[in-house]
Protein backbone atom coordinates (compact mmCIF):
# COMPACT_ATOMS: atom_id res chain seq x y z
CA MET A 1 -90.65 5.31 -15.03
CA SER A 2 -90.87 8.18 -12.53
CA ASP A 3 -92.73 11.41 -13.22
CA PHE A 4 -89.66 13.42 -12.16
CA ASP A 5 -85.99 12.96 -11.45
CA ALA A 6 -86.53 14.85 -8.18
CA ILE A 7 -89.42 16.23 -6.16
CA ILE A 8 -88.46 18.91 -3.65
CA VAL A 9 -90.67 19.65 -0.67
CA GLY A 10 -90.21 23.25 0.49
CA GLY A 11 -89.43 26.50 -1.31
CA GLY A 12 -86.79 28.00 0.97
CA LEU A 13 -83.15 28.58 0.08
CA ALA A 14 -82.15 24.91 0.31
CA GLY A 15 -85.00 23.64 -1.85
CA LEU A 16 -84.75 26.44 -4.41
CA THR A 17 -80.99 26.06 -4.76
CA THR A 18 -81.41 22.32 -5.36
CA ALA A 19 -84.15 22.98 -7.92
CA TYR A 20 -82.13 25.64 -9.73
CA LEU A 21 -79.01 23.49 -10.08
CA LEU A 22 -80.93 20.39 -11.12
CA ALA A 23 -82.92 22.29 -13.73
CA LYS A 24 -79.73 23.86 -15.11
CA ALA A 25 -78.43 20.31 -15.62
CA ASP A 26 -81.61 19.40 -17.57
CA ALA A 27 -83.09 17.24 -14.81
CA GLU A 28 -86.87 16.98 -14.51
CA VAL A 29 -87.61 18.63 -11.17
CA LEU A 30 -90.78 19.59 -9.32
CA LEU A 31 -90.76 21.83 -6.25
CA ILE A 32 -93.84 21.98 -4.04
CA GLU A 33 -94.26 24.90 -1.61
CA ARG A 34 -97.08 25.00 0.94
CA GLY A 35 -97.26 28.82 0.92
CA ASN A 36 -98.95 30.83 -1.78
CA PHE A 37 -95.52 31.71 -3.14
CA ALA A 38 -91.92 30.88 -2.32
CA GLY A 39 -91.05 32.82 0.83
CA ALA A 40 -94.67 33.39 1.85
CA LYS A 41 -94.23 31.30 4.99
CA ASN A 42 -90.55 32.06 5.55
CA MET A 43 -90.33 34.39 8.52
CA THR A 44 -86.54 34.42 8.89
CA GLY A 45 -85.37 37.98 9.43
CA GLY A 46 -81.64 38.25 9.04
CA ARG A 47 -78.64 38.07 6.82
CA LEU A 48 -77.22 36.04 4.00
CA TYR A 49 -73.46 35.50 3.89
CA SER A 50 -72.74 35.78 0.18
CA HIS A 51 -70.01 33.17 -0.33
CA SER A 52 -72.25 30.14 -0.94
CA LEU A 53 -74.68 31.71 -3.41
CA GLU A 54 -71.95 33.76 -5.09
CA LYS A 55 -70.37 30.46 -6.12
CA ILE A 56 -73.61 29.36 -7.78
CA ILE A 57 -74.86 32.67 -9.22
CA PRO A 58 -71.86 35.01 -9.58
CA GLY A 59 -72.79 38.62 -8.94
CA PHE A 60 -76.21 37.65 -7.59
CA ALA A 61 -76.41 40.70 -5.33
CA GLY A 62 -76.51 42.96 -8.38
CA GLU A 63 -79.87 41.55 -9.45
CA ALA A 64 -81.37 39.94 -6.32
CA PRO A 65 -83.63 41.94 -3.99
CA VAL A 66 -81.09 42.19 -1.18
CA GLU A 67 -81.74 44.92 1.39
CA ARG A 68 -78.43 46.34 2.65
CA ARG A 69 -74.81 45.20 2.59
CA ILE A 70 -73.70 44.80 6.20
CA ILE A 71 -70.76 47.06 7.08
CA ARG A 72 -71.19 47.28 10.88
CA GLU A 73 -71.26 44.45 13.41
CA LYS A 74 -72.58 45.13 16.90
CA ILE A 75 -72.90 42.92 19.97
CA SER A 76 -74.53 44.09 23.20
CA LEU A 77 -74.75 42.66 26.71
CA MET A 78 -77.95 44.06 28.22
CA THR A 79 -79.50 44.35 31.65
CA ASP A 80 -82.98 45.74 32.21
CA ASP A 81 -81.75 49.33 32.06
CA SER A 82 -78.23 49.30 30.57
CA SER A 83 -76.18 47.91 27.73
CA VAL A 84 -72.51 47.39 26.90
CA THR A 85 -71.83 47.29 23.16
CA VAL A 86 -68.97 46.26 20.89
CA ASP A 87 -69.18 48.11 17.56
CA TYR A 88 -67.01 46.89 14.68
CA TYR A 89 -66.56 48.48 11.28
CA SER A 90 -64.10 47.31 8.63
CA PRO A 91 -63.74 47.43 4.83
CA GLY A 92 -63.06 43.68 5.12
CA LEU A 93 -66.78 43.17 5.69
CA THR A 94 -67.46 44.38 2.14
CA LEU A 95 -64.99 42.32 0.11
CA PRO A 96 -66.53 39.99 -2.52
CA GLY A 97 -66.98 36.48 -1.22
CA GLN A 98 -66.90 37.55 2.43
CA ASP A 99 -69.59 40.20 2.44
CA SER A 100 -73.15 39.70 3.68
CA TYR A 101 -76.58 41.22 3.12
CA SER A 102 -79.72 41.73 5.10
CA VAL A 103 -82.64 40.14 3.28
CA LEU A 104 -86.41 39.90 3.54
CA ARG A 105 -87.13 36.36 2.56
CA ALA A 106 -90.57 36.91 1.05
CA ASP A 107 -88.89 38.98 -1.67
CA PHE A 108 -85.60 37.13 -1.91
CA ASP A 109 -87.10 33.64 -2.15
CA GLN A 110 -89.45 34.74 -4.94
CA TRP A 111 -86.44 35.99 -6.88
CA LEU A 112 -84.61 32.69 -6.47
CA ALA A 113 -87.78 30.79 -7.40
CA GLY A 114 -87.88 32.81 -10.61
CA LYS A 115 -84.29 31.81 -11.37
CA ALA A 116 -85.18 28.14 -10.84
CA GLU A 117 -88.24 28.41 -13.10
CA ASP A 118 -86.22 30.17 -15.79
CA ALA A 119 -83.79 27.25 -15.65
CA GLY A 120 -86.67 24.81 -16.22
CA ALA A 121 -87.88 23.77 -12.78
CA GLN A 122 -91.61 23.35 -12.19
CA ILE A 123 -92.80 25.10 -9.02
CA VAL A 124 -96.25 24.49 -7.56
CA THR A 125 -97.42 26.60 -4.63
CA GLY A 126 -100.33 26.51 -2.19
CA ILE A 127 -100.23 22.72 -1.77
CA LYS A 128 -99.31 20.75 1.34
CA VAL A 129 -97.42 17.48 0.96
CA ASP A 130 -99.20 14.96 3.16
CA ASP A 131 -96.89 11.96 2.96
CA VAL A 132 -94.18 10.21 0.98
CA LEU A 133 -94.58 7.11 -1.16
CA ARG A 134 -92.52 4.13 0.02
CA GLU A 135 -92.07 0.56 -1.00
CA ASN A 136 -89.60 -1.91 0.50
CA GLY A 137 -87.87 0.94 2.33
CA GLN A 138 -87.42 3.02 -0.85
CA VAL A 139 -89.00 6.48 -1.09
CA PHE A 140 -90.28 7.02 -4.60
CA GLY A 141 -92.44 10.12 -4.45
CA ILE A 142 -95.04 12.07 -2.52
CA ILE A 143 -98.76 12.35 -1.85
CA ALA A 144 -100.15 15.88 -2.07
CA GLY A 145 -103.73 17.07 -2.41
CA GLY A 146 -104.87 13.49 -2.94
CA ASP A 147 -102.51 13.02 -5.90
CA GLU A 148 -99.48 10.76 -6.11
CA MET A 149 -96.34 11.93 -7.89
CA THR A 150 -93.25 9.79 -8.31
CA ALA A 151 -89.57 10.68 -8.45
CA GLY A 152 -86.15 9.08 -8.28
CA VAL A 153 -85.32 11.26 -5.26
CA THR A 154 -87.51 13.19 -2.84
CA VAL A 155 -85.75 16.13 -1.19
CA LEU A 156 -87.07 17.21 2.21
CA ALA A 157 -86.41 20.94 2.50
CA ASP A 158 -89.47 21.64 4.63
CA GLY A 159 -87.89 23.38 7.61
CA VAL A 160 -86.64 22.53 11.09
CA ASN A 161 -89.82 20.74 12.15
CA SER A 162 -89.85 18.35 9.19
CA LEU A 163 -92.83 16.11 9.88
CA LEU A 164 -92.08 14.09 6.75
CA ALA A 165 -88.60 13.28 8.04
CA GLN A 166 -90.19 12.12 11.29
CA LYS A 167 -92.75 10.01 9.44
CA ILE A 168 -90.12 8.01 7.60
CA GLY A 169 -87.80 7.69 10.59
CA LEU A 170 -85.01 10.01 9.50
CA ARG A 171 -85.37 11.96 12.72
CA ALA A 172 -87.12 11.74 16.07
CA GLU A 173 -89.35 14.44 17.53
CA LEU A 174 -87.25 17.47 18.38
CA PRO A 175 -86.36 17.84 22.08
CA PRO A 176 -87.19 21.32 23.49
CA HIS A 177 -83.60 22.17 24.41
CA GLN A 178 -82.45 21.79 20.79
CA VAL A 179 -85.02 24.14 19.29
CA ALA A 180 -85.57 27.85 19.77
CA VAL A 181 -88.60 29.94 18.94
CA GLY A 182 -88.06 33.29 17.31
CA VAL A 183 -90.53 36.15 17.04
CA LYS A 184 -89.89 39.17 14.83
CA GLU A 185 -91.32 42.54 13.94
CA VAL A 186 -90.50 44.35 10.73
CA ILE A 187 -90.70 48.05 11.55
CA GLU A 188 -90.98 50.52 8.69
CA LEU A 189 -88.70 53.57 8.81
CA PRO A 190 -87.50 55.98 6.08
CA ALA A 191 -84.18 55.05 4.52
CA GLY A 192 -82.56 58.31 5.62
CA VAL A 193 -83.64 57.79 9.21
CA ILE A 194 -82.10 54.30 9.23
CA GLU A 195 -78.85 55.62 7.79
CA ASP A 196 -78.66 58.40 10.38
CA ARG A 197 -79.51 56.22 13.37
CA PHE A 198 -77.20 53.37 12.42
CA GLN A 199 -74.36 55.46 10.93
CA CYS A 200 -74.48 53.75 7.56
CA PRO A 201 -74.30 55.15 4.01
CA SER A 202 -77.07 54.52 1.51
CA GLY A 203 -77.35 50.83 0.63
CA GLU A 204 -75.31 49.71 3.60
CA GLY A 205 -76.37 48.67 7.07
CA SER A 206 -75.80 47.06 10.42
CA ALA A 207 -76.27 43.66 12.07
CA TRP A 208 -76.75 43.74 15.84
CA LEU A 209 -77.03 40.85 18.29
CA PHE A 210 -78.01 41.16 21.97
CA ALA A 211 -77.63 38.87 25.01
CA GLY A 212 -79.18 39.10 28.46
CA GLN A 213 -82.36 41.13 28.83
CA PRO A 214 -83.96 40.24 25.44
CA SER A 215 -84.40 36.57 26.42
CA GLY A 216 -85.10 37.30 30.08
CA GLY A 217 -81.67 36.07 31.17
CA LYS A 218 -82.29 32.66 29.58
CA VAL A 219 -80.60 30.93 26.63
CA GLY A 220 -81.35 33.05 23.58
CA GLY A 221 -81.04 36.69 22.61
CA GLY A 222 -82.21 39.56 20.49
CA PHE A 223 -81.37 40.68 16.97
CA LEU A 224 -81.74 43.76 14.80
CA TYR A 225 -81.00 43.96 11.08
CA THR A 226 -81.35 47.08 8.95
CA ASN A 227 -83.26 46.77 5.68
CA LYS A 228 -83.74 49.39 2.97
CA GLU A 229 -86.75 51.03 4.57
CA SER A 230 -87.34 48.93 7.68
CA VAL A 231 -85.58 47.12 10.48
CA SER A 232 -86.08 43.49 11.49
CA LEU A 233 -86.22 43.34 15.28
CA GLY A 234 -86.71 40.11 17.18
CA VAL A 235 -86.09 37.78 20.07
CA VAL A 236 -85.09 34.11 20.06
CA CYS A 237 -85.46 31.89 23.12
CA THR A 238 -84.86 28.17 23.61
CA LEU A 239 -88.14 26.28 23.76
CA SER A 240 -87.24 24.51 27.00
CA ASP A 241 -86.72 27.88 28.71
CA LEU A 242 -90.00 29.25 27.37
CA ILE A 243 -91.84 26.26 28.81
CA THR A 244 -90.49 26.92 32.31
CA GLY A 245 -90.12 30.71 32.13
CA ALA A 246 -92.50 33.30 33.50
CA ALA A 247 -92.59 35.57 30.44
CA THR A 248 -94.11 34.78 27.07
CA LEU A 249 -92.16 35.38 23.88
CA PRO A 250 -94.37 38.31 22.79
CA ARG A 251 -93.79 39.90 26.20
CA LEU A 252 -90.02 39.41 25.88
CA LEU A 253 -90.11 41.10 22.48
CA GLU A 254 -92.13 44.01 23.84
CA ASN A 255 -89.69 44.44 26.74
CA PHE A 256 -86.76 44.34 24.32
CA LYS A 257 -88.33 46.89 21.96
CA ASN A 258 -88.91 49.25 24.89
CA HIS A 259 -85.39 48.93 26.32
CA PRO A 260 -83.72 52.35 26.69
CA SER A 261 -81.02 51.35 24.19
CA VAL A 262 -83.46 50.05 21.58
CA ALA A 263 -86.52 52.27 21.80
CA PRO A 264 -84.78 55.34 20.26
CA LEU A 265 -83.75 53.24 17.27
CA VAL A 266 -87.32 52.34 16.29
CA VAL A 267 -89.25 55.37 17.59
CA GLY A 268 -91.67 56.68 14.98
CA GLY A 269 -91.62 53.39 13.08
CA LYS A 270 -94.67 51.46 11.90
CA MET A 271 -94.91 47.71 12.39
CA ILE A 272 -95.66 46.10 9.01
CA GLU A 273 -95.03 42.45 9.85
CA TYR A 274 -95.21 40.26 12.96
CA SER A 275 -94.18 36.63 12.70
CA GLY A 276 -92.61 33.68 14.47
CA HIS A 277 -90.75 30.51 13.55
CA LEU A 278 -88.71 27.62 14.90
CA VAL A 279 -84.91 27.75 14.81
CA PRO A 280 -82.57 24.72 15.02
CA GLU A 281 -80.19 25.32 17.94
CA GLY A 282 -78.64 21.93 18.66
CA GLY A 283 -75.86 22.03 16.08
CA LEU A 284 -74.53 18.76 14.74
CA ASP A 285 -75.99 16.79 17.66
CA MET A 286 -79.52 17.45 16.36
CA ALA A 287 -78.80 16.51 12.74
CA PRO A 288 -81.04 13.70 11.48
CA ARG A 289 -80.06 10.88 9.18
CA LEU A 290 -79.32 12.92 6.11
CA PHE A 291 -80.31 10.39 3.44
CA ASP A 292 -81.88 7.03 2.77
CA ALA A 293 -83.04 5.17 -0.29
CA GLY A 294 -84.70 7.75 -2.54
CA VAL A 295 -84.63 10.64 -0.05
CA LEU A 296 -82.38 13.50 1.17
CA THR A 297 -82.79 16.22 3.81
CA THR A 298 -81.37 19.73 3.39
CA GLY A 299 -81.23 23.11 5.08
CA ASP A 300 -83.06 23.56 8.37
CA ALA A 301 -84.68 20.15 7.93
CA ALA A 302 -81.16 18.74 8.30
CA GLY A 303 -80.40 20.98 11.30
CA PHE A 304 -77.82 23.01 9.40
CA CYS A 305 -77.62 26.11 11.59
CA ILE A 306 -75.05 27.51 14.02
CA ASN A 307 -75.56 30.22 16.63
CA LEU A 308 -72.18 31.33 17.97
CA GLY A 309 -73.45 34.29 19.94
CA TYR A 310 -71.60 36.79 17.78
CA THR A 311 -73.04 35.51 14.51
CA VAL A 312 -75.87 33.27 13.33
CA ARG A 313 -75.33 31.02 10.33
CA GLY A 314 -78.14 29.29 8.50
CA MET A 315 -78.85 30.75 5.08
CA ASP A 316 -75.41 30.04 3.65
CA PHE A 317 -75.67 26.48 5.03
CA ALA A 318 -79.05 26.09 3.31
CA VAL A 319 -77.61 27.18 -0.04
CA GLY A 320 -74.53 24.99 0.39
CA SER A 321 -76.54 21.91 1.34
CA GLY A 322 -78.82 22.49 -1.64
CA GLU A 323 -75.76 22.46 -3.88
CA CYS A 324 -74.55 19.20 -2.33
CA ALA A 325 -78.00 17.65 -2.74
CA ALA A 326 -78.10 18.57 -6.42
CA GLN A 327 -74.65 17.04 -6.98
CA ALA A 328 -75.75 13.78 -5.34
CA ILE A 329 -79.00 13.59 -7.28
CA LEU A 330 -77.28 14.17 -10.61
CA ALA A 331 -74.74 11.45 -9.80
CA ALA A 332 -77.56 9.04 -8.87
CA LYS A 333 -79.46 9.93 -12.04
CA GLN A 334 -76.40 9.24 -14.17
CA ALA A 335 -75.94 5.88 -12.45
CA GLY A 336 -79.63 5.08 -12.75
CA ASP A 337 -79.58 4.10 -9.09
CA PHE A 338 -81.29 5.99 -6.25
CA SER A 339 -80.39 3.56 -3.50
CA ALA A 340 -79.00 4.67 -0.15
CA GLU A 341 -75.58 3.43 -1.21
CA THR A 342 -75.51 5.67 -4.26
CA LEU A 343 -77.02 8.67 -2.49
CA GLY A 344 -74.30 8.32 0.13
CA CYS A 345 -72.27 10.66 -2.08
CA TYR A 346 -74.46 13.42 -0.57
CA LYS A 347 -72.82 12.90 2.81
CA THR A 348 -69.41 12.83 1.11
CA ALA A 349 -70.11 16.15 -0.59
CA LEU A 350 -71.30 17.66 2.69
CA ASP A 351 -68.20 16.43 4.52
CA GLU A 352 -65.98 18.08 1.92
CA SER A 353 -67.92 21.36 2.07
CA PHE A 354 -67.68 24.21 4.56
CA ILE A 355 -70.94 22.99 6.13
CA MET A 356 -69.75 19.85 7.88
CA LYS A 357 -66.30 21.26 8.52
CA GLU A 358 -67.83 24.12 10.49
CA MET A 359 -70.62 22.07 12.05
CA ASN A 360 -67.96 19.69 13.38
CA MET A 361 -65.67 22.52 14.46
CA TYR A 362 -68.41 24.10 16.60
CA ARG A 363 -70.12 20.89 17.67
CA LYS A 364 -69.59 21.57 21.38
CA PHE A 365 -70.73 25.18 21.35
CA PRO A 366 -74.51 24.65 21.71
CA HIS A 367 -73.82 22.48 24.76
CA PHE A 368 -71.55 25.19 26.17
CA MET A 369 -74.23 27.86 25.72
CA GLU A 370 -76.91 25.66 27.26
CA ASN A 371 -74.78 24.84 30.29
CA THR A 372 -73.36 28.31 30.92
CA PRO A 373 -76.34 30.40 32.07
CA ARG A 374 -74.03 33.17 33.27
CA ILE A 375 -73.65 34.26 29.64
CA PHE A 376 -77.26 35.45 29.76
CA ALA A 377 -77.87 36.23 33.44
CA GLY A 378 -74.45 37.02 34.94
CA TYR A 379 -72.07 38.56 32.46
CA PRO A 380 -74.40 41.34 31.29
CA GLU A 381 -74.68 42.49 34.92
CA MET A 382 -70.92 42.20 35.39
CA ALA A 383 -70.18 44.23 32.24
CA SER A 384 -72.72 46.89 33.21
CA ASP A 385 -71.31 47.20 36.72
CA LEU A 386 -67.76 47.51 35.38
CA MET A 387 -68.75 50.27 32.95
CA ASN A 388 -70.60 52.02 35.75
CA GLN A 389 -67.44 51.90 37.87
CA LEU A 390 -65.40 53.38 35.02
CA PHE A 391 -67.69 56.13 33.78
CA VAL A 392 -69.71 57.37 36.75
CA VAL A 393 -67.85 60.32 38.29
CA ASN A 394 -69.11 61.64 41.63
CA GLY A 395 -66.02 63.05 43.35
CA ARG A 396 -66.28 60.51 46.19
CA ASP A 397 -64.83 57.28 44.78
CA GLN A 398 -61.01 57.41 44.60
CA ARG A 399 -60.32 53.69 44.29
CA HIS A 400 -57.81 52.41 41.75
CA LEU A 401 -59.08 50.86 38.55
CA TYR A 402 -58.08 47.34 39.62
CA GLN A 403 -60.12 47.77 42.79
CA LYS A 404 -63.17 48.85 40.83
CA ALA A 405 -62.74 45.97 38.39
CA GLY A 406 -62.39 43.56 41.31
CA ARG A 407 -65.78 44.57 42.65
CA SER A 408 -67.39 43.96 39.25
CA LEU A 409 -65.75 40.53 38.93
CA LYS A 410 -67.40 39.49 42.18
CA THR A 411 -70.71 39.51 40.30
CA VAL A 412 -69.85 36.14 38.77
CA GLY A 413 -66.60 35.27 40.55
CA ALA A 414 -63.08 35.21 39.12
CA LEU A 415 -62.96 31.41 39.14
CA ASN A 416 -66.24 31.10 37.23
CA LEU A 417 -65.04 33.67 34.71
CA THR A 418 -61.80 31.74 34.14
CA LEU A 419 -63.53 28.38 33.83
CA ASP A 420 -66.19 29.72 31.47
CA ALA A 421 -63.53 31.38 29.33
CA LEU A 422 -61.62 28.10 29.03
CA LYS A 423 -64.76 26.15 28.17
CA GLY A 424 -65.78 28.76 25.63
CA VAL A 425 -62.39 28.76 23.90
CA ARG A 426 -62.45 24.97 23.69
CA ALA A 427 -65.98 24.97 22.30
CA LEU A 428 -64.98 27.50 19.63
């Protein structure tokens, strides 16, 4: 007889969603979080697309500690001293089920942990899980703090660098080109200042992604999300590029923060948090084996993240995979069988969800980004040169627009532009 129906390792969105749904179904569930509280070690600074959690907790944004509803989308191509920005506003960004929110995970994860505990889940914090219990290939629990605890299913929701998944052979060590490192500052600013600078009403905000200068012309980029009384500003760079690059990640962040287009947005602010974390960047090609006898992987531990350049998806995938994990565990509990064959329904649920449909749809995109360096080191210069040709007026240049555009295209070459566009469309 096991101590629990499920033991969940990790108190992020994937683990907490699994715990909440299992507890609601009267399963005996224990969640173990290494931090002092759920969210204490979660440094993700970004946004939550509402659709996945709205399905589980309708109207969650009315009670959860969300920061701002995102009503503006911005994308910038940046050189060292210029930027070209697309700015999109639409009421469609605010419709229920397709809206999104900036969140600070230390607050948000504690709220979701409270929901799980209210439903009946046991949550233990400040303890590191050292290993899993196995016998004849079946995982049947964990070892933590010198104690052994048993369960029908162990859920690995312990982040992108899941050492437990490596220990039991669900995944190999992560190659540097499939993982990025992100570093972030949370900069305190008054709510009114944020609303003025980002042209957003009270309670609403902006999401802004940057390519080019923030990552030093390498694979990666910058991000800025508006919170209630702060902004999350950061840089993400592929680990393989950091290893070979000249600049450190803290230096890249400092350069980004001091860029002429960014510095006025954060001037007068006070840094209240500085943190870093690993980000899965390989898409479906970096996904581990998702299940085995007595064990499942979810969220970042399963590689469920997509960076499409214009948007980054991870939190909604974590929630969705937690839902699929709970469904599989409840089915296995009802059958009284936690074998790999029975837990295979987890993969079936994932395949039928938006997660695998979208991970498959964009499977080629990480490879496209990795093998098209002009996105980060060529196109920002081309866009800047074109804008310079259009908007600088000196009374001496009387060339036609097509002639000016032709000069800018020479930065990367018309053939390269055409080929990259075709590859990008196919990857998307």
